[in-house]
């Protein structure tokens, strides 16, 4: 899941979700209930999220309906690029961690056989 837009009002976020769903894009609002607690203004923002594979189509729709202007679109692109870089970094770190665990297990097995004959 990836965040595509943040709103101070959960009702504004719901409008975008309705628009995207009407275009066949499955998405949802995260942290919408926070806005109800604070009188309709979402503390930290009501976030519209969707699957990363739907992002290009969602951006087209958002641009057509005025949710993204050219300057805002650049900010969104930067956020998405940062998200992808962080995701790749986590993936590499997980791969290295798994490799190190495997090496450690092999060393333990080898030492156990060596010392126990």
PDB file of N, CA and C in Angstrom:
ATOM      1  N   UNK A   1       0.842  -1.175   0.000  1.00  0.00           N
ATOM      2  CA  UNK A   1       0.000   0.000   0.000  1.00  0.00           C
ATOM      3  C   UNK A   1       0.891   1.243   0.000  1.00  0.00           C
ATOM      4  N   UNK A   2       0.399   2.253  -0.673  1.00  0.00           N
ATOM      5  CA  UNK A   2       1.136   3.500  -0.769  1.00  0.00           C
ATOM      6  C   UNK A   2       0.183   4.669  -0.573  1.00  0.00           C
ATOM      7  N   UNK A   3       0.651   5.670   0.169  1.00  0.00           N
ATOM      8  CA  UNK A   3      -0.149   6.874   0.394  1.00  0.00           C
ATOM      9  C   UNK A   3      -0.033   7.775  -0.836  1.00  0.00           C
ATOM     10  N   UNK A   4      -1.186   8.212  -1.361  1.00  0.00           N
ATOM     11  CA  UNK A   4      -1.149   9.068  -2.540  1.00  0.00           C
ATOM     12  C   UNK A   4      -1.558  10.501  -2.250  1.00  0.00           C
ATOM     13  N   UNK A   5      -2.303  10.708  -1.172  1.00  0.00           N
ATOM     14  CA  UNK A   5      -2.754  12.067  -0.856  1.00  0.00           C
ATOM     15  C   UNK A   5      -3.128  12.115   0.616  1.00  0.00           C
ATOM     16  N   UNK A   6      -2.890  13.272   1.239  1.00  0.00           N
ATOM     17  CA  UNK A   6      -3.234  13.485   2.642  1.00  0.00           C
ATOM     18  C   UNK A   6      -4.126  14.713   2.728  1.00  0.00           C
ATOM     19  N   UNK A   7      -5.181  14.593   3.498  1.00  0.00           N
ATOM     20  CA  UNK A   7      -6.148  15.683   3.661  1.00  0.00           C
ATOM     21  C   UNK A   7      -6.276  16.034   5.132  1.00  0.00           C
ATOM     22  N   UNK A   8      -6.577  17.297   5.417  1.00  0.00           N
ATOM     23  CA  UNK A   8      -6.850  17.678   6.803  1.00  0.00           C
ATOM     24  C   UNK A   8      -8.263  17.271   7.194  1.00  0.00           C
ATOM     25  N   UNK A   9      -9.137  17.101   6.229  1.00  0.00           N
ATOM     26  CA  UNK A   9     -10.523  16.709   6.492  1.00  0.00           C
ATOM     27  C   UNK A   9     -10.765  15.299   5.957  1.00  0.00           C
ATOM     28  N   UNK A  10     -11.286  14.437   6.815  1.00  0.00           N
ATOM     29  CA  UNK A  10     -11.555  13.065   6.378  1.00  0.00           C
ATOM     30  C   UNK A  10     -12.642  13.018   5.306  1.00  0.00           C
ATOM     31  N   UNK A  11     -13.566  13.991   5.312  1.00  0.00           N
ATOM     32  CA  UNK A  11     -14.614  13.998   4.280  1.00  0.00           C
ATOM     33  C   UNK A  11     -14.023  14.296   2.908  1.00  0.00           C
ATOM     34  N   UNK A  12     -12.983  15.149   2.836  1.00  0.00           N
ATOM     35  CA  UNK A  12     -12.306  15.403   1.561  1.00  0.00           C
ATOM     36  C   UNK A  12     -11.603  14.139   1.062  1.00  0.00           C
ATOM     37  N   UNK A  13     -11.018  13.408   1.980  1.00  0.00           N
ATOM     38  CA  UNK A  13     -10.356  12.154   1.613  1.00  0.00           C
ATOM     39  C   UNK A  13     -11.371  11.145   1.092  1.00  0.00           C
ATOM     40  N   UNK A  14     -12.540  11.084   1.721  1.00  0.00           N
ATOM     41  CA  UNK A  14     -13.596  10.162   1.285  1.00  0.00           C
ATOM     42  C   UNK A  14     -14.095  10.502  -0.115  1.00  0.00           C
ATOM     43  N   UNK A  15     -14.119  11.786  -0.458  1.00  0.00           N
ATOM     44  CA  UNK A  15     -14.543  12.191  -1.801  1.00  0.00           C
ATOM     45  C   UNK A  15     -13.563  11.640  -2.840  1.00  0.00           C
ATOM     46  N   UNK A  16     -12.266  11.767  -2.575  1.00  0.00           N
ATOM     47  CA  UNK A  16     -11.272  11.236  -3.505  1.00  0.00           C
ATOM     48  C   UNK A  16     -11.379   9.720  -3.607  1.00  0.00           C
ATOM     49  N   UNK A  17     -11.569   9.055  -2.480  1.00  0.00           N
ATOM     50  CA  UNK A  17     -11.721   7.596  -2.497  1.00  0.00           C
ATOM     51  C   UNK A  17     -12.923   7.190  -3.337  1.00  0.00           C
ATOM     52  N   UNK A  18     -14.031   7.904  -3.187  1.00  0.00           N
ATOM     53  CA  UNK A  18     -15.227   7.606  -3.981  1.00  0.00           C
ATOM     54  C   UNK A  18     -14.947   7.778  -5.472  1.00  0.00           C
ATOM     55  N   UNK A  19     -14.231   8.835  -5.822  1.00  0.00           N
ATOM     56  CA  UNK A  19     -13.880   9.076  -7.216  1.00  0.00           C
ATOM     57  C   UNK A  19     -13.017   7.943  -7.765  1.00  0.00           C
ATOM     58  N   UNK A  20     -11.982   7.568  -7.023  1.00  0.00           N
ATOM     59  CA  UNK A  20     -11.088   6.510  -7.487  1.00  0.00           C
ATOM     60  C   UNK A  20     -11.804   5.160  -7.578  1.00  0.00           C
ATOM     61  N   UNK A  21     -12.659   4.881  -6.603  1.00  0.00           N
ATOM     62  CA  UNK A  21     -13.411   3.624  -6.646  1.00  0.00           C
ATOM     63  C   UNK A  21     -14.377   3.596  -7.824  1.00  0.00           C
ATOM     64  N   UNK A  22     -14.946   4.752  -8.166  1.00  0.00           N
ATOM     65  CA  UNK A  22     -15.857   4.795  -9.315  1.00  0.00           C
ATOM     66  C   UNK A  22     -15.115   4.538 -10.627  1.00  0.00           C
ATOM     67  N   UNK A  23     -13.797   4.736 -10.596  1.00  0.00           N
ATOM     68  CA  UNK A  23     -12.958   4.474 -11.769  1.00  0.00           C
ATOM     69  C   UNK A  23     -12.330   3.081 -11.704  1.00  0.00           C
ATOM     70  N   UNK A  24     -12.727   2.276 -10.723  1.00  0.00           N
ATOM     71  CA  UNK A  24     -12.258   0.894 -10.629  1.00  0.00           C
ATOM     72  C   UNK A  24     -10.968   0.703  -9.861  1.00  0.00           C
ATOM     73  N   UNK A  25     -10.567   1.699  -9.099  1.00  0.00           N
ATOM     74  CA  UNK A  25      -9.330   1.593  -8.318  1.00  0.00           C
ATOM     75  C   UNK A  25      -9.695   1.336  -6.859  1.00  0.00           C
ATOM     76  N   UNK A  26      -9.193   0.241  -6.329  1.00  0.00           N
ATOM     77  CA  UNK A  26      -9.469  -0.113  -4.942  1.00  0.00           C
ATOM     78  C   UNK A  26      -8.556   0.704  -4.032  1.00  0.00           C
ATOM     79  N   UNK A  27      -9.147   1.474  -3.124  1.00  0.00           N
ATOM     80  CA  UNK A  27      -8.371   2.309  -2.214  1.00  0.00           C
ATOM     81  C   UNK A  27      -9.181   2.522  -0.937  1.00  0.00           C
ATOM     82  N   UNK A  28      -8.555   3.162   0.038  1.00  0.00           N
ATOM     83  CA  UNK A  28      -9.249   3.423   1.294  1.00  0.00           C
ATOM     84  C   UNK A  28      -8.641   4.631   1.992  1.00  0.00           C
ATOM     85  N   UNK A  29      -9.330   5.100   3.028  1.00  0.00           N
ATOM     86  CA  UNK A  29      -8.845   6.217   3.839  1.00  0.00           C
ATOM     87  C   UNK A  29      -8.309   5.640   5.143  1.00  0.00           C
ATOM     88  N   UNK A  30      -7.076   5.998   5.460  1.00  0.00           N
ATOM     89  CA  UNK A  30      -6.481   5.590   6.731  1.00  0.00           C
ATOM     90  C   UNK A  30      -6.483   6.800   7.655  1.00  0.00           C
ATOM     91  N   UNK A  31      -6.707   6.580   8.905  1.00  0.00           N
ATOM     92  CA  UNK A  31      -6.739   7.621   9.943  1.00  0.00           C
ATOM     93  C   UNK A  31      -7.926   8.562   9.801  1.00  0.00           C
ATOM     94  N   UNK A  32      -9.011   8.113   9.187  1.00  0.00           N
ATOM     95  CA  UNK A  32     -10.209   8.956   9.042  1.00  0.00           C
ATOM     96  C   UNK A  32     -10.879   9.179  10.396  1.00  0.00           C
ATOM     97  N   UNK A  33     -10.851   8.186  11.271  1.00  0.00           N
ATOM     98  CA  UNK A  33     -11.510   8.311  12.567  1.00  0.00           C
ATOM     99  C   UNK A  33     -10.815   9.315  13.466  1.00  0.00           C
ATOM    100  N   UNK A  34      -9.545   9.562  13.216  1.00  0.00           N
ATOM    101  CA  UNK A  34      -8.820  10.559  13.997  1.00  0.00           C
ATOM    102  C   UNK A  34      -9.488  11.916  13.852  1.00  0.00           C
ATOM    103  N   UNK A  35      -9.962  12.210  12.652  1.00  0.00           N
ATOM    104  CA  UNK A  35     -10.637  13.474  12.394  1.00  0.00           C
ATOM    105  C   UNK A  35     -11.918  13.618  13.198  1.00  0.00           C
ATOM    106  N   UNK A  36     -12.606  12.520  13.428  1.00  0.00           N
ATOM    107  CA  UNK A  36     -13.834  12.579  14.212  1.00  0.00           C
ATOM    108  C   UNK A  36     -13.533  12.915  15.667  1.00  0.00           C
ATOM    109  N   UNK A  37     -12.415  12.451  16.149  1.00  0.00           N
ATOM    110  CA  UNK A  37     -12.036  12.727  17.530  1.00  0.00           C
ATOM    111  C   UNK A  37     -11.719  14.207  17.705  1.00  0.00           C
ATOM    112  N   UNK A  38     -11.085  14.802  16.727  1.00  0.00           N
ATOM    113  CA  UNK A  38     -10.647  16.190  16.823  1.00  0.00           C
ATOM    114  C   UNK A  38     -11.567  17.149  16.079  1.00  0.00           C
ATOM    115  N   UNK A  39     -12.835  16.849  16.023  1.00  0.00           N
ATOM    116  CA  UNK A  39     -13.817  17.771  15.465  1.00  0.00           C
ATOM    117  C   UNK A  39     -13.787  17.924  13.963  1.00  0.00           C
ATOM    118  N   UNK A  40     -13.492  16.843  13.236  1.00  0.00           N
ATOM    119  CA  UNK A  40     -13.531  16.892  11.779  1.00  0.00           C
ATOM    120  C   UNK A  40     -12.214  17.222  11.117  1.00  0.00           C
ATOM    121  N   UNK A  41     -11.217  17.585  11.894  1.00  0.00           N
ATOM    122  CA  UNK A  41      -9.898  17.849  11.324  1.00  0.00           C
ATOM    123  C   UNK A  41      -8.991  16.699  11.732  1.00  0.00           C
ATOM    124  N   UNK A  42      -8.492  15.987  10.738  1.00  0.00           N
ATOM    125  CA  UNK A  42      -7.682  14.799  11.011  1.00  0.00           C
ATOM    126  C   UNK A  42      -6.298  15.207  11.506  1.00  0.00           C
ATOM    127  N   UNK A  43      -5.965  14.816  12.723  1.00  0.00           N
ATOM    128  CA  UNK A  43      -4.655  15.086  13.291  1.00  0.00           C
ATOM    129  C   UNK A  43      -3.634  14.246  12.542  1.00  0.00           C
ATOM    130  N   UNK A  44      -2.719  14.891  11.827  1.00  0.00           N
ATOM    131  CA  UNK A  44      -1.750  14.156  11.022  1.00  0.00           C
ATOM    132  C   UNK A  44      -2.264  13.895   9.619  1.00  0.00           C
ATOM    133  N   UNK A  45      -3.536  14.109   9.393  1.00  0.00           N
ATOM    134  CA  UNK A  45      -4.102  13.985   8.060  1.00  0.00           C
ATOM    135  C   UNK A  45      -4.780  12.654   7.813  1.00  0.00           C
ATOM    136  N   UNK A  46      -5.915  12.724   7.106  1.00  0.00           N
ATOM    137  CA  UNK A  46      -6.584  11.518   6.620  1.00  0.00           C
ATOM    138  C   UNK A  46      -5.860  11.125   5.343  1.00  0.00           C
ATOM    139  N   UNK A  47      -5.371   9.900   5.287  1.00  0.00           N
ATOM    140  CA  UNK A  47      -4.510   9.475   4.189  1.00  0.00           C
ATOM    141  C   UNK A  47      -5.267   8.559   3.231  1.00  0.00           C
ATOM    142  N   UNK A  48      -5.172   8.859   1.942  1.00  0.00           N
ATOM    143  CA  UNK A  48      -5.757   7.992   0.922  1.00  0.00           C
ATOM    144  C   UNK A  48      -4.650   7.051   0.464  1.00  0.00           C
ATOM    145  N   UNK A  49      -4.915   5.749   0.556  1.00  0.00           N
ATOM    146  CA  UNK A  49      -3.923   4.748   0.195  1.00  0.00           C
ATOM    147  C   UNK A  49      -4.488   3.774  -0.817  1.00  0.00           C
ATOM    148  N   UNK A  50      -3.587   3.249  -1.652  1.00  0.00           N
ATOM    149  CA  UNK A  50      -3.966   2.252  -2.643  1.00  0.00           C
ATOM    150  C   UNK A  50      -2.769   1.376  -2.948  1.00  0.00           C
ATOM    151  N   UNK A  51      -3.000   0.344  -3.759  1.00  0.00           N
ATOM    152  CA  UNK A  51      -1.911  -0.539  -4.148  1.00  0.00           C
ATOM    153  C   UNK A  51      -0.970   0.190  -5.093  1.00  0.00           C
ATOM    154  N   UNK A  52       0.306  -0.082  -4.958  1.00  0.00           N
ATOM    155  CA  UNK A  52       1.315   0.604  -5.762  1.00  0.00           C
ATOM    156  C   UNK A  52       1.085   0.403  -7.257  1.00  0.00           C
ATOM    157  N   UNK A  53       0.562  -0.738  -7.653  1.00  0.00           N
ATOM    158  CA  UNK A  53       0.325  -1.010  -9.069  1.00  0.00           C
ATOM    159  C   UNK A  53      -0.745  -0.093  -9.662  1.00  0.00           C
ATOM    160  N   UNK A  54      -1.627   0.445  -8.827  1.00  0.00           N
ATOM    161  CA  UNK A  54      -2.698   1.334  -9.301  1.00  0.00           C
ATOM    162  C   UNK A  54      -2.284   2.804  -9.327  1.00  0.00           C
ATOM    163  N   UNK A  55      -1.071   3.093  -8.892  1.00  0.00           N
ATOM    164  CA  UNK A  55      -0.632   4.477  -8.756  1.00  0.00           C
ATOM    165  C   UNK A  55      -0.672   5.280 -10.060  1.00  0.00           C
ATOM    166  N   UNK A  56      -0.135   4.784 -11.178  1.00  0.00           N
ATOM    167  CA  UNK A  56      -0.156   5.613 -12.394  1.00  0.00           C
ATOM    168  C   UNK A  56      -1.569   6.005 -12.832  1.00  0.00           C
ATOM    169  N   UNK A  57      -2.491   5.068 -12.802  1.00  0.00           N
ATOM    170  CA  UNK A  57      -3.882   5.357 -13.197  1.00  0.00           C
ATOM    171  C   UNK A  57      -4.519   6.340 -12.205  1.00  0.00           C
ATOM    172  N   UNK A  58      -4.262   6.155 -10.916  1.00  0.00           N
ATOM    173  CA  UNK A  58      -4.819   7.059  -9.901  1.00  0.00           C
ATOM    174  C   UNK A  58      -4.292   8.477 -10.100  1.00  0.00           C
ATOM    175  N   UNK A  59      -3.012   8.613 -10.425  1.00  0.00           N
ATOM    176  CA  UNK A  59      -2.448   9.943 -10.653  1.00  0.00           C
ATOM    177  C   UNK A  59      -3.091  10.611 -11.870  1.00  0.00           C
ATOM    178  N   UNK A  60      -3.352   9.824 -12.913  1.00  0.00           N
ATOM    179  CA  UNK A  60      -4.051  10.370 -14.087  1.00  0.00           C
ATOM    180  C   UNK A  60      -5.412  10.931 -13.692  1.00  0.00           C
ATOM    181  N   UNK A  61      -6.165  10.139 -12.955  1.00  0.00           N
ATOM    182  CA  UNK A  61      -7.511  10.541 -12.530  1.00  0.00           C
ATOM    183  C   UNK A  61      -7.432  11.778 -11.639  1.00  0.00           C
ATOM    184  N   UNK A  62      -6.501  11.769 -10.699  1.00  0.00           N
ATOM    185  CA  UNK A  62      -6.358  12.901  -9.784  1.00  0.00           C
ATOM    186  C   UNK A  62      -5.981  14.170 -10.543  1.00  0.00           C
ATOM    187  N   UNK A  63      -5.122  14.043 -11.544  1.00  0.00           N
ATOM    188  CA  UNK A  63      -4.743  15.203 -12.335  1.00  0.00           C
ATOM    189  C   UNK A  63      -5.942  15.720 -13.138  1.00  0.00           C
ATOM    190  N   UNK A  64      -6.716  14.798 -13.732  1.00  0.00           N
ATOM    191  CA  UNK A  64      -7.896  15.187 -14.510  1.00  0.00           C
ATOM    192  C   UNK A  64      -8.928  15.927 -13.666  1.00  0.00           C
ATOM    193  N   UNK A  65      -9.036  15.563 -12.387  1.00  0.00           N
ATOM    194  CA  UNK A  65     -10.034  16.166 -11.515  1.00  0.00           C
ATOM    195  C   UNK A  65      -9.461  17.258 -10.614  1.00  0.00           C
ATOM    196  N   UNK A  66      -8.226  17.678 -10.889  1.00  0.00           N
ATOM    197  CA  UNK A  66      -7.657  18.821 -10.184  1.00  0.00           C
ATOM    198  C   UNK A  66      -7.060  18.520  -8.821  1.00  0.00           C
ATOM    199  N   UNK A  67      -6.848  17.262  -8.502  1.00  0.00           N
ATOM    200  CA  UNK A  67      -6.223  16.936  -7.218  1.00  0.00           C
ATOM    201  C   UNK A  67      -4.709  17.101  -7.272  1.00  0.00           C
ATOM    202  N   UNK A  68      -4.155  17.111  -8.464  1.00  0.00           N
ATOM    203  CA  UNK A  68      -2.716  17.290  -8.626  1.00  0.00           C
ATOM    204  C   UNK A  68      -2.464  18.413  -9.613  1.00  0.00           C
ATOM    205  N   UNK A  69      -1.782  19.435  -9.164  1.00  0.00           N
ATOM    206  CA  UNK A  69      -1.303  20.426 -10.116  1.00  0.00           C
ATOM    207  C   UNK A  69       0.153  20.080 -10.414  1.00  0.00           C
ATOM    208  N   UNK A  70       0.777  20.790 -11.309  1.00  0.00           N
ATOM    209  CA  UNK A  70       2.128  20.411 -11.723  1.00  0.00           C
ATOM    210  C   UNK A  70       3.115  20.475 -10.557  1.00  0.00           C
ATOM    211  N   UNK A  71       3.026  21.495  -9.701  1.00  0.00           N
ATOM    212  CA  UNK A  71       3.935  21.615  -8.568  1.00  0.00           C
ATOM    213  C   UNK A  71       3.655  20.519  -7.543  1.00  0.00           C
ATOM    214  N   UNK A  72       2.383  20.293  -7.257  1.00  0.00           N
ATOM    215  CA  UNK A  72       1.990  19.255  -6.314  1.00  0.00           C
ATOM    216  C   UNK A  72       2.389  17.885  -6.854  1.00  0.00           C
ATOM    217  N   UNK A  73       2.249  17.713  -8.167  1.00  0.00           N
ATOM    218  CA  UNK A  73       2.597  16.440  -8.789  1.00  0.00           C
ATOM    219  C   UNK A  73       4.083  16.145  -8.605  1.00  0.00           C
ATOM    220  N   UNK A  74       4.934  17.175  -8.665  1.00  0.00           N
ATOM    221  CA  UNK A  74       6.366  16.986  -8.453  1.00  0.00           C
ATOM    222  C   UNK A  74       6.628  16.532  -7.025  1.00  0.00           C
ATOM    223  N   UNK A  75       5.919  17.141  -6.065  1.00  0.00           N
ATOM    224  CA  UNK A  75       6.077  16.723  -4.671  1.00  0.00           C
ATOM    225  C   UNK A  75       5.629  15.280  -4.488  1.00  0.00           C
ATOM    226  N   UNK A  76       4.498  14.917  -5.096  1.00  0.00           N
ATOM    227  CA  UNK A  76       4.001  13.541  -5.005  1.00  0.00           C
ATOM    228  C   UNK A  76       5.005  12.572  -5.627  1.00  0.00           C
ATOM    229  N   UNK A  77       5.572  12.937  -6.785  1.00  0.00           N
ATOM    230  CA  UNK A  77       6.558  12.079  -7.442  1.00  0.00           C
ATOM    231  C   UNK A  77       7.780  11.893  -6.560  1.00  0.00           C
ATOM    232  N   UNK A  78       8.225  12.971  -5.880  1.00  0.00           N
ATOM    233  CA  UNK A  78       9.368  12.866  -4.980  1.00  0.00           C
ATOM    234  C   UNK A  78       9.058  11.946  -3.810  1.00  0.00           C
ATOM    235  N   UNK A  79       7.865  12.072  -3.245  1.00  0.00           N
ATOM    236  CA  UNK A  79       7.475  11.207  -2.133  1.00  0.00           C
ATOM    237  C   UNK A  79       7.418   9.755  -2.575  1.00  0.00           C
ATOM    238  N   UNK A  80       6.897   9.516  -3.764  1.00  0.00           N
ATOM    239  CA  UNK A  80       6.798   8.150  -4.275  1.00  0.00           C
ATOM    240  C   UNK A  80       8.192   7.585  -4.542  1.00  0.00           C
ATOM    241  N   UNK A  81       9.069   8.404  -5.110  1.00  0.00           N
ATOM    242  CA  UNK A  81      10.447   7.958  -5.355  1.00  0.00           C
ATOM    243  C   UNK A  81      11.143   7.632  -4.032  1.00  0.00           C
ATOM    244  N   UNK A  82      10.938   8.472  -3.012  1.00  0.00           N
ATOM    245  CA  UNK A  82      11.521   8.200  -1.699  1.00  0.00           C
ATOM    246  C   UNK A  82      10.977   6.906  -1.116  1.00  0.00           C
ATOM    247  N   UNK A  83       9.667   6.695  -1.256  1.00  0.00           N
ATOM    248  CA  UNK A  83       9.045   5.468  -0.759  1.00  0.00           C
ATOM    249  C   UNK A  83       9.674   4.245  -1.435  1.00  0.00           C
ATOM    250  N   UNK A  84       9.843   4.305  -2.741  1.00  0.00           N
ATOM    251  CA  UNK A  84      10.417   3.165  -3.475  1.00  0.00           C
ATOM    252  C   UNK A  84      11.865   2.922  -3.070  1.00  0.00           C
ATOM    253  N   UNK A  85      12.646   3.996  -2.877  1.00  0.00           N
ATOM    254  CA  UNK A  85      14.033   3.830  -2.438  1.00  0.00           C
ATOM    255  C   UNK A  85      14.089   3.178  -1.053  1.00  0.00           C
ATOM    256  N   UNK A  86      13.219   3.621  -0.147  1.00  0.00           N
ATOM    257  CA  UNK A  86      13.189   3.029   1.188  1.00  0.00           C
ATOM    258  C   UNK A  86      12.775   1.564   1.123  1.00  0.00           C
ATOM    259  N   UNK A  87      11.823   1.259   0.249  1.00  0.00           N
ATOM    260  CA  UNK A  87      11.366  -0.117   0.101  1.00  0.00           C
ATOM    261  C   UNK A  87      12.500  -1.007  -0.429  1.00  0.00           C
ATOM    262  N   UNK A  88      13.244  -0.517  -1.419  1.00  0.00           N
ATOM    263  CA  UNK A  88      14.376  -1.268  -1.960  1.00  0.00           C
ATOM    264  C   UNK A  88      15.465  -1.454  -0.901  1.00  0.00           C
ATOM    265  N   UNK A  89      15.701  -0.409  -0.115  1.00  0.00           N
ATOM    266  CA  UNK A  89      16.714  -0.484   0.931  1.00  0.00           C
ATOM    267  C   UNK A  89      16.330  -1.531   1.974  1.00  0.00           C
ATOM    268  N   UNK A  90      15.054  -1.529   2.387  1.00  0.00           N
ATOM    269  CA  UNK A  90      14.596  -2.535   3.355  1.00  0.00           C
ATOM    270  C   UNK A  90      14.724  -3.935   2.781  1.00  0.00           C
ATOM    271  N   UNK A  91      14.427  -4.080   1.507  1.00  0.00           N
ATOM    272  CA  UNK A  91      14.519  -5.388   0.853  1.00  0.00           C
ATOM    273  C   UNK A  91      15.967  -5.879   0.836  1.00  0.00           C
ATOM    274  N   UNK A  92      16.906  -4.994   0.500  1.00  0.00           N
ATOM    275  CA  UNK A  92      18.327  -5.379   0.500  1.00  0.00           C
ATOM    276  C   UNK A  92      18.784  -5.748   1.898  1.00  0.00           C
ATOM    277  N   UNK A  93      18.362  -4.953   2.882  1.00  0.00           N
ATOM    278  CA  UNK A  93      18.763  -5.235   4.263  1.00  0.00           C
ATOM    279  C   UNK A  93      18.223  -6.578   4.733  1.00  0.00           C
ATOM    280  N   UNK A  94      16.988  -6.887   4.362  1.00  0.00           N
ATOM    281  CA  UNK A  94      16.396  -8.169   4.736  1.00  0.00           C
ATOM    282  C   UNK A  94      17.142  -9.319   4.066  1.00  0.00           C
ATOM    283  N   UNK A  95      17.523  -9.150   2.813  1.00  0.00           N
ATOM    284  CA  UNK A  95      18.282 -10.185   2.106  1.00  0.00           C
ATOM    285  C   UNK A  95      19.621 -10.422   2.784  1.00  0.00           C
ATOM    286  N   UNK A  96      20.322  -9.356   3.140  1.00  0.00           N
ATOM    287  CA  UNK A  96      21.615  -9.487   3.822  1.00  0.00           C
ATOM    288  C   UNK A  96      21.439 -10.157   5.177  1.00  0.00           C
ATOM    289  N   UNK A  97      20.407  -9.757   5.910  1.00  0.00           N
ATOM    290  CA  UNK A  97      20.136 -10.352   7.218  1.00  0.00           C
ATOM    291  C   UNK A  97      19.884 -11.858   7.090  1.00  0.00           C
ATOM    292  N   UNK A  98      19.056 -12.250   6.131  1.00  0.00           N
ATOM    293  CA  UNK A  98      18.765 -13.678   5.924  1.00  0.00           C
ATOM    294  C   UNK A  98      20.025 -14.441   5.548  1.00  0.00           C
ATOM    295  N   UNK A  99      20.854 -13.860   4.694  1.00  0.00           N
ATOM    296  CA  UNK A  99      22.110 -14.500   4.303  1.00  0.00           C
ATOM    297  C   UNK A  99      23.003 -14.706   5.517  1.00  0.00           C
ATOM    298  N   UNK A 100      23.109 -13.688   6.374  1.00  0.00           N
ATOM    299  CA  UNK A 100      23.945 -13.803   7.568  1.00  0.00           C
ATOM    300  C   UNK A 100      23.415 -14.867   8.531  1.00  0.00           C
ATOM    301  N   UNK A 101      22.117 -14.970   8.651  1.00  0.00           N
ATOM    302  CA  UNK A 101      21.522 -16.007   9.508  1.00  0.00           C
ATOM    303  C   UNK A 101      21.869 -17.391   8.967  1.00  0.00           C
ATOM    304  N   UNK A 102      21.762 -17.557   7.665  1.00  0.00           N
ATOM    305  CA  UNK A 102      22.092 -18.854   7.046  1.00  0.00           C
ATOM    306  C   UNK A 102      23.559 -19.195   7.281  1.00  0.00           C
ATOM    307  N   UNK A 103      24.443 -18.218   7.102  1.00  0.00           N
ATOM    308  CA  UNK A 103      25.867 -18.454   7.338  1.00  0.00           C
ATOM    309  C   UNK A 103      26.101 -18.830   8.793  1.00  0.00           C
ATOM    310  N   UNK A 104      25.443 -18.138   9.706  1.00  0.00           N
ATOM    311  CA  UNK A 104      25.599 -18.440  11.129  1.00  0.00           C
ATOM    312  C   UNK A 104      25.133 -19.864  11.446  1.00  0.00           C
ATOM    313  N   UNK A 105      24.023 -20.278  10.904  1.00  0.00           N
ATOM    314  CA  UNK A 105      23.510 -21.630  11.140  1.00  0.00           C
ATOM    315  C   UNK A 105      24.485 -22.671  10.588  1.00  0.00           C
ATOM    316  N   UNK A 106      25.016 -22.437   9.401  1.00  0.00           N
ATOM    317  CA  UNK A 106      25.979 -23.373   8.804  1.00  0.00           C
ATOM    318  C   UNK A 106      27.234 -23.456   9.666  1.00  0.00           C
ATOM    319  N   UNK A 107      27.729 -22.342  10.160  1.00  0.00           N
ATOM    320  CA  UNK A 107      28.917 -22.337  11.015  1.00  0.00           C
ATOM    321  C   UNK A 107      28.639 -23.093  12.310  1.00  0.00           C
ATOM    322  N   UNK A 108      27.480 -22.880  12.903  1.00  0.00           N
ATOM    323  CA  UNK A 108      27.126 -23.591  14.139  1.00  0.00           C
ATOM    324  C   UNK A 108      27.059 -25.091  13.895  1.00  0.00           C
ATOM    325  N   UNK A 109      26.431 -25.500  12.802  1.00  0.00           N
ATOM    326  CA  UNK A 109      26.355 -26.944  12.479  1.00  0.00           C
ATOM    327  C   UNK A 109      27.757 -27.517  12.272  1.00  0.00           C
ATOM    328  N   UNK A 110      28.586 -26.803  11.524  1.00  0.00           N
ATOM    329  CA  UNK A 110      29.960 -27.269  11.257  1.00  0.00           C
ATOM    330  C   UNK A 110      30.745 -27.397  12.556  1.00  0.00           C
ATOM    331  N   UNK A 111      30.664 -26.365  13.425  1.00  0.00           N
ATOM    332  CA  UNK A 111      31.416 -26.416  14.694  1.00  0.00           C
ATOM    333  C   UNK A 111      30.888 -27.521  15.605  1.00  0.00           C
ATOM    334  N   UNK A 112      29.617 -27.745  15.591  1.00  0.00           N
ATOM    335  CA  UNK A 112      29.042 -28.815  16.394  1.00  0.00           C
ATOM    336  C   UNK A 112      29.585 -30.177  15.939  1.00  0.00           C
ATOM    337  N   UNK A 113      29.637 -30.406  14.637  1.00  0.00           N
ATOM    338  CA  UNK A 113      30.178 -31.673  14.126  1.00  0.00           C
ATOM    339  C   UNK A 113      31.678 -31.776  14.407  1.00  0.00           C
ATOM    340  N   UNK A 114      32.389 -30.667  14.304  1.00  0.00           N
ATOM    341  CA  UNK A 114      33.841 -30.675  14.504  1.00  0.00           C
ATOM    342  C   UNK A 114      34.197 -31.026  15.948  1.00  0.00           C
ATOM    343  N   UNK A 115      33.498 -30.404  16.911  1.00  0.00           N
ATOM    344  CA  UNK A 115      33.823 -30.626  18.313  1.00  0.00           C
ATOM    345  C   UNK A 115      33.210 -31.882  18.890  1.00  0.00           C
ATOM    346  N   UNK A 116      32.127 -32.380  18.305  1.00  0.00           N
ATOM    347  CA  UNK A 116      31.464 -33.573  18.823  1.00  0.00           C
ATOM    348  C   UNK A 116      31.841 -34.827  18.027  1.00  0.00           C
ATOM    349  N   UNK A 117      32.678 -34.666  17.057  1.00  0.00           N
ATOM    350  CA  UNK A 117      33.231 -35.782  16.319  1.00  0.00           C
ATOM    351  C   UNK A 117      32.311 -36.396  15.379  1.00  0.00           C
TER     352      UNK A 117
END
